[in-house]
Amino acid sequence: MSRHICVKFYKYLRELPGCPEVAVVMTGSASDPEDYHPHIRSKAKQEELKKRFRDPDDPLKLVIVRDMWLTGFDNPCLHTMYVDKPMKGHNLMQAIARVNRVFKDKPGGLIVDYIGIADDLKKALACYTEKDRNEAMIPLDQAIAVLREKYDITCAFFHGIDYQGWRRLAPAELTRLLQRAHNAVVADDETKSRFLKACTELTKAFALVSPHPEACRS
């Protein structure tokens, strides 16, 4: 919502134990307050930051964006956008497009809405074709249903193996359980192939709804 909030939020995040590397993207000038200066970059530094953020193996995992990167910045590996500022029309669709890209095992992106952009999003989507609207978003309930289906398919490979409480097993017991599970999915090449396919589909389904409590249920 403002550069002041971005800088303050950055400070709060950096105080959290285990917080990954964070950066702030915002415009500025030499006359800005001193605590703004670390976040004001030259064009060359901006390009360097973009290059780092596009690399999924780089320690930079989170960027607080005030302006500039909401439109026109392409980064297929991004998976989640937390929205806490008003956006409308084309700008809103462009912002969502920042995370809604297929990348390796990532089937799409997740938008976490803190301020209620649903109405503005419906208005923005009305300007697009039905095909574009379907490609832009997947309803959460549908994504969770797909996750449950893929989870059940994967679990079926371990039918007859009791793994409920595996977290509480002693190391030796856990080793024996893992061996049984391994034997179940490598019995033959066809079973192994089907299991790997099921795991890939489950991973993609989980990526769409991973912050949701239903996705993290044990």
Protein backbone atom coordinates (compact mmCIF):
# COMPACT_ATOMS: atom_id res chain seq x y z
CA MET A 1 0.00 0.00 0.00
CA SER A 2 2.96 2.33 0.65
CA ARG A 3 6.75 2.33 0.72
CA HIS A 4 6.65 2.94 4.48
CA ILE A 5 4.66 -0.29 4.97
CA CYS A 6 7.07 -2.22 2.73
CA VAL A 7 10.12 -1.14 4.72
CA LYS A 8 8.39 -1.81 8.05
CA PHE A 9 7.17 -5.22 6.90
CA TYR A 10 10.69 -6.08 5.74
CA LYS A 11 12.03 -5.32 9.22
CA TYR A 12 9.37 -7.50 10.88
CA LEU A 13 10.10 -10.42 8.56
CA ARG A 14 13.85 -10.21 9.12
CA GLU A 15 13.25 -10.56 12.88
CA LEU A 16 11.47 -13.90 12.42
CA PRO A 17 13.62 -16.98 13.18
CA GLY A 18 14.37 -18.96 10.04
CA CYS A 19 13.11 -16.27 7.69
CA PRO A 20 14.56 -16.71 4.18
CA GLU A 21 16.29 -13.88 2.36
CA VAL A 22 13.87 -11.04 1.59
CA ALA A 23 14.09 -8.01 -0.69
CA VAL A 24 11.96 -4.91 -1.22
CA VAL A 25 11.21 -3.61 -4.72
CA MET A 26 10.18 0.06 -4.80
CA THR A 27 11.09 3.35 -6.38
CA GLY A 28 12.95 6.03 -4.47
CA SER A 29 15.44 8.88 -4.44
CA ALA A 30 18.35 10.22 -2.40
CA SER A 31 15.98 12.50 -0.48
CA ASP A 32 14.06 9.54 1.00
CA PRO A 33 14.42 8.57 4.69
CA GLU A 34 17.63 6.74 5.55
CA ASP A 35 15.91 3.40 6.22
CA TYR A 36 14.60 3.45 2.62
CA HIS A 37 18.08 3.65 1.09
CA PRO A 38 19.00 -0.10 1.26
CA HIS A 39 15.95 -0.83 -0.89
CA ILE A 40 16.54 1.79 -3.58
CA ARG A 41 18.59 0.29 -6.41
CA SER A 42 20.14 1.43 -9.64
CA LYS A 43 18.93 -0.09 -12.90
CA ALA A 44 21.89 -2.48 -12.90
CA LYS A 45 21.16 -3.58 -9.33
CA GLN A 46 17.49 -4.08 -10.22
CA GLU A 47 18.47 -6.37 -13.09
CA GLU A 48 20.80 -8.30 -10.80
CA LEU A 49 17.95 -8.76 -8.30
CA LYS A 50 15.61 -9.96 -11.06
CA LYS A 51 18.18 -12.51 -12.17
CA ARG A 52 18.56 -13.82 -8.65
CA PHE A 53 14.81 -14.06 -8.05
CA ARG A 54 14.30 -15.99 -11.28
CA ASP A 55 16.73 -18.65 -10.06
CA PRO A 56 14.79 -21.24 -7.98
CA ASP A 57 18.05 -22.29 -6.27
CA ASP A 58 18.94 -18.77 -5.11
CA PRO A 59 18.48 -18.06 -1.37
CA LEU A 60 16.31 -15.03 -2.21
CA LYS A 61 12.81 -16.48 -1.75
CA LEU A 62 10.51 -13.55 -0.96
CA VAL A 63 10.10 -10.08 -2.48
CA ILE A 64 7.90 -7.31 -1.11
CA VAL A 65 6.70 -5.34 -4.13
CA ARG A 66 5.41 -1.78 -3.93
CA ASP A 67 5.66 -1.02 -7.65
CA MET A 68 7.55 -1.94 -10.85
CA TRP A 69 7.36 -5.75 -10.70
CA LEU A 70 3.57 -6.11 -10.62
CA THR A 71 3.38 -5.92 -14.42
CA GLY A 72 5.86 -6.90 -17.08
CA PHE A 73 8.08 -8.99 -14.81
CA ASP A 74 8.25 -12.62 -15.91
CA ASN A 75 9.32 -15.30 -13.43
CA PRO A 76 7.82 -18.77 -14.08
CA CYS A 77 9.13 -20.32 -10.84
CA LEU A 78 7.06 -17.97 -8.62
CA HIS A 79 4.25 -19.91 -6.95
CA THR A 80 2.51 -17.61 -4.42
CA MET A 81 1.40 -13.98 -4.39
CA TYR A 82 0.09 -12.32 -1.22
CA VAL A 83 -2.16 -9.41 -2.19
CA ASP A 84 -2.66 -6.55 0.27
CA LYS A 85 -3.15 -3.57 -2.04
CA PRO A 86 -6.08 -2.61 -4.31
CA MET A 87 -5.68 -3.47 -7.98
CA LYS A 88 -8.19 -3.40 -10.83
CA GLY A 89 -8.65 -4.30 -14.47
CA HIS A 90 -5.62 -5.07 -16.59
CA ASN A 91 -3.17 -4.33 -13.77
CA LEU A 92 -4.86 -6.92 -11.56
CA MET A 93 -4.77 -9.57 -14.28
CA GLN A 94 -1.14 -8.78 -15.03
CA ALA A 95 -0.25 -9.10 -11.35
CA ILE A 96 -1.91 -12.51 -11.10
CA ALA A 97 -0.09 -13.59 -14.24
CA ARG A 98 3.19 -13.13 -12.36
CA VAL A 99 2.60 -16.42 -10.52
CA ASN A 100 0.20 -18.26 -12.82
CA ARG A 101 2.83 -19.95 -14.96
CA VAL A 102 3.64 -23.62 -15.41
CA PHE A 103 7.20 -24.41 -14.31
CA LYS A 104 8.63 -27.94 -13.92
CA ASP A 105 6.35 -29.64 -11.34
CA LYS A 106 4.47 -26.40 -10.63
CA PRO A 107 1.05 -26.52 -12.38
CA GLY A 108 0.00 -22.95 -11.54
CA GLY A 109 0.13 -20.25 -8.91
CA LEU A 110 -1.63 -19.40 -5.66
CA ILE A 111 -3.14 -15.99 -4.83
CA VAL A 112 -3.60 -15.24 -1.12
CA ASP A 113 -6.05 -12.33 -0.89
CA TYR A 114 -5.90 -10.23 2.28
CA ILE A 115 -8.12 -7.33 1.26
CA GLY A 116 -10.92 -8.83 -0.87
CA ILE A 117 -10.14 -8.41 -4.56
CA ALA A 118 -12.76 -10.98 -5.65
CA ASP A 119 -15.22 -8.41 -7.04
CA ASP A 120 -12.52 -6.50 -8.87
CA LEU A 121 -11.19 -9.79 -10.23
CA LYS A 122 -14.62 -10.77 -11.57
CA LYS A 123 -14.87 -7.40 -13.33
CA ALA A 124 -11.40 -7.80 -14.76
CA LEU A 125 -12.13 -11.34 -15.96
CA ALA A 126 -15.31 -10.16 -17.69
CA CYS A 127 -13.13 -8.50 -20.30
CA TYR A 128 -11.56 -11.83 -21.26
CA THR A 129 -12.85 -14.88 -23.13
CA GLU A 130 -14.12 -17.93 -21.26
CA LYS A 131 -10.98 -19.82 -22.28
CA ASP A 132 -8.78 -17.09 -20.80
CA ARG A 133 -10.82 -17.07 -17.59
CA ASN A 134 -10.53 -20.84 -17.20
CA GLU A 135 -6.79 -20.67 -17.73
CA ALA A 136 -6.38 -17.80 -15.29
CA MET A 137 -7.81 -19.50 -12.19
CA ILE A 138 -8.89 -22.84 -10.76
CA PRO A 139 -11.55 -22.75 -7.98
CA LEU A 140 -10.05 -23.85 -4.66
CA ASP A 141 -12.70 -26.50 -4.00
CA GLN A 142 -11.94 -28.12 -7.35
CA ALA A 143 -8.20 -28.06 -6.67
CA ILE A 144 -8.73 -29.71 -3.26
CA ALA A 145 -10.95 -32.37 -4.82
CA VAL A 146 -8.19 -33.18 -7.32
CA LEU A 147 -5.66 -33.33 -4.48
CA ARG A 148 -7.81 -35.83 -2.57
CA GLU A 149 -8.21 -37.98 -5.68
CA LYS A 150 -4.47 -38.05 -6.40
CA TYR A 151 -3.72 -38.73 -2.73
CA ASP A 152 -6.07 -41.73 -2.67
CA ILE A 153 -4.53 -43.11 -5.86
CA THR A 154 -1.03 -42.84 -4.39
CA CYS A 155 -2.05 -44.40 -1.06
CA ALA A 156 -3.56 -47.38 -2.88
CA PHE A 157 -0.05 -48.56 -3.78
CA PHE A 158 0.54 -49.24 -0.07
CA HIS A 159 -2.63 -51.24 0.54
CA GLY A 160 -2.08 -53.65 3.42
CA ILE A 161 0.81 -51.67 4.91
CA ASP A 162 0.01 -49.89 8.18
CA TYR A 163 1.91 -46.60 8.09
CA GLN A 164 -0.42 -44.49 10.26
CA GLY A 165 1.87 -43.30 13.11
CA TRP A 166 5.12 -43.74 11.22
CA ARG A 167 6.45 -40.52 12.77
CA ARG A 168 6.49 -42.19 16.20
CA LEU A 169 8.35 -45.33 15.12
CA ALA A 170 11.82 -46.19 16.37
CA PRO A 171 14.56 -45.98 13.71
CA ALA A 172 14.72 -49.76 13.22
CA GLU A 173 10.92 -50.05 12.87
CA LEU A 174 10.85 -47.12 10.45
CA THR A 175 13.55 -48.75 8.33
CA ARG A 176 11.52 -51.95 8.09
CA LEU A 177 8.39 -49.99 7.17
CA LEU A 178 10.23 -48.08 4.45
CA GLN A 179 11.57 -51.34 3.06
CA ARG A 180 8.05 -52.78 2.83
CA ALA A 181 6.81 -49.62 1.13
CA HIS A 182 9.72 -49.67 -1.30
CA ASN A 183 9.13 -53.30 -2.19
CA ALA A 184 5.45 -52.55 -2.82
CA VAL A 185 6.14 -49.95 -5.52
CA VAL A 186 9.08 -51.61 -7.29
CA ALA A 187 7.54 -55.06 -7.61
CA ASP A 188 7.77 -54.70 -11.40
CA ASP A 189 8.48 -52.00 -13.98
CA GLU A 190 4.80 -51.31 -14.66
CA THR A 191 4.00 -50.76 -10.98
CA LYS A 192 7.03 -48.52 -10.56
CA SER A 193 6.05 -46.45 -13.60
CA ARG A 194 2.46 -46.03 -12.39
CA PHE A 195 3.66 -45.06 -8.91
CA LEU A 196 6.04 -42.40 -10.22
CA LYS A 197 3.26 -40.99 -12.41
CA ALA A 198 0.88 -40.90 -9.42
CA CYS A 199 3.50 -39.13 -7.29
CA THR A 200 4.10 -36.51 -9.96
CA GLU A 201 0.38 -35.79 -10.27
CA LEU A 202 0.02 -35.63 -6.47
CA THR A 203 2.94 -33.18 -6.23
CA LYS A 204 1.36 -30.90 -8.82
CA ALA A 205 -2.02 -31.01 -7.08
CA PHE A 206 -0.43 -30.26 -3.72
CA ALA A 207 1.47 -27.28 -5.15
CA LEU A 208 -1.83 -25.57 -6.01
CA VAL A 209 -3.32 -25.72 -2.49
CA SER A 210 -0.36 -26.34 -0.16
CA PRO A 211 -1.10 -23.48 2.31
CA HIS A 212 -4.69 -24.71 2.77
CA PRO A 213 -5.30 -26.73 6.00
CA GLU A 214 -6.94 -29.49 3.97
CA ALA A 215 -3.72 -29.99 2.04
CA CYS A 216 -1.62 -30.31 5.19
CA ARG A 217 -3.88 -32.79 6.95
CA SER A 218 -1.91 -35.83 8.07
